[in-house]
Structure formats: C-alpha cells, structure tokens
Amino acid sequence: MKSYWFLFWAYNVIWLAIAGFMLLAFLRVRRADRRIDGLEREI
C-alpha cells in the first residue's frame, strides 16, 4: 500500500493558508475601522 504522508502535509498547509488569510483580512478590517473612526471624529 502506498504511503499518503504527503496528504497530511498538504492538509496542514491548506489550513495554515486559510488561517493566515483570515488573520490578514481581520487585521486589514480592524485598521480600516480605526481610520473610519478617525475620520468620523474629524467631522
């Protein structure tokens, strides 16, 4: 029977990519929210 160890690593890489993308999106939204709050205070 063939070894499927590469699937384990591929699965982990995909989860890491998804987690990294979500973290990046969260940080960008938070930064944009802060900028909008700053603009609202100026008005």
C-alpha atoms as a PDB file:
ATOM      1  CA  MET A   1       0.000   0.000   0.000  1.00  0.00           C
ATOM      2  CA  LYS A   2       1.226   3.432  -0.923  1.00  0.00           C
ATOM      3  CA  SER A   3       2.054   5.943   1.793  1.00  0.00           C
ATOM      4  CA  TYR A   4      -0.102   9.052   1.953  1.00  0.00           C
ATOM      5  CA  TRP A   5       2.083  11.152   4.263  1.00  0.00           C
ATOM      6  CA  PHE A   6       2.070  13.974   1.689  1.00  0.00           C
ATOM      7  CA  LEU A   7      -1.699  14.349   2.136  1.00  0.00           C
ATOM      8  CA  PHE A   8      -1.164  15.047   5.827  1.00  0.00           C
ATOM      9  CA  TRP A   9       1.267  17.864   4.991  1.00  0.00           C
ATOM     10  CA  ALA A  10      -0.927  19.200   2.186  1.00  0.00           C
ATOM     11  CA  TYR A  11      -3.889  19.298   4.588  1.00  0.00           C
ATOM     12  CA  ASN A  12      -1.819  21.220   7.158  1.00  0.00           C
ATOM     13  CA  VAL A  13      -0.514  23.666   4.539  1.00  0.00           C
ATOM     14  CA  ILE A  14      -4.056  24.380   3.343  1.00  0.00           C
ATOM     15  CA  TRP A  15      -5.257  25.024   6.912  1.00  0.00           C
ATOM     16  CA  LEU A  16      -2.276  27.292   7.576  1.00  0.00           C
ATOM     17  CA  ALA A  17      -3.017  29.230   4.383  1.00  0.00           C
ATOM     18  CA  ILE A  18      -6.684  29.655   5.353  1.00  0.00           C
ATOM     19  CA  ALA A  19      -5.740  30.760   8.887  1.00  0.00           C
ATOM     20  CA  GLY A  20      -3.152  33.218   7.539  1.00  0.00           C
ATOM     21  CA  PHE A  21      -5.628  34.683   5.066  1.00  0.00           C
ATOM     22  CA  MET A  22      -8.275  35.127   7.771  1.00  0.00           C
ATOM     23  CA  LEU A  23      -5.762  36.761  10.115  1.00  0.00           C
ATOM     24  CA  LEU A  24      -4.637  39.145   7.379  1.00  0.00           C
ATOM     25  CA  ALA A  25      -8.246  40.009   6.492  1.00  0.00           C
ATOM     26  CA  PHE A  26      -9.072  40.610  10.171  1.00  0.00           C
ATOM     27  CA  LEU A  27      -6.092  42.926  10.604  1.00  0.00           C
ATOM     28  CA  ARG A  28      -6.955  44.911   7.469  1.00  0.00           C
ATOM     29  CA  VAL A  29     -10.592  45.325   8.537  1.00  0.00           C
ATOM     30  CA  ARG A  30      -9.506  46.466  12.004  1.00  0.00           C
ATOM     31  CA  ARG A  31      -7.105  49.026  10.513  1.00  0.00           C
ATOM     32  CA  ALA A  32      -9.811  50.328   8.156  1.00  0.00           C
ATOM     33  CA  ASP A  33     -12.244  50.563  11.081  1.00  0.00           C
ATOM     34  CA  ARG A  34      -9.768  52.683  13.025  1.00  0.00           C
ATOM     35  CA  ARG A  35      -9.265  55.003  10.043  1.00  0.00           C
ATOM     36  CA  ILE A  36     -13.033  55.416   9.609  1.00  0.00           C
ATOM     37  CA  ASP A  37     -13.411  56.214  13.319  1.00  0.00           C
ATOM     38  CA  GLY A  38     -10.679  58.837  12.998  1.00  0.00           C
ATOM     39  CA  LEU A  39     -12.383  60.415  10.001  1.00  0.00           C
ATOM     40  CA  GLU A  40     -15.728  60.482  11.813  1.00  0.00           C
ATOM     41  CA  ARG A  41     -14.150  62.290  14.753  1.00  0.00           C
ATOM     42  CA  GLU A  42     -12.771  64.983  12.426  1.00  0.00           C
ATOM     43  CA  ILE A  43     -16.214  65.766  11.021  1.00  0.00           C
END
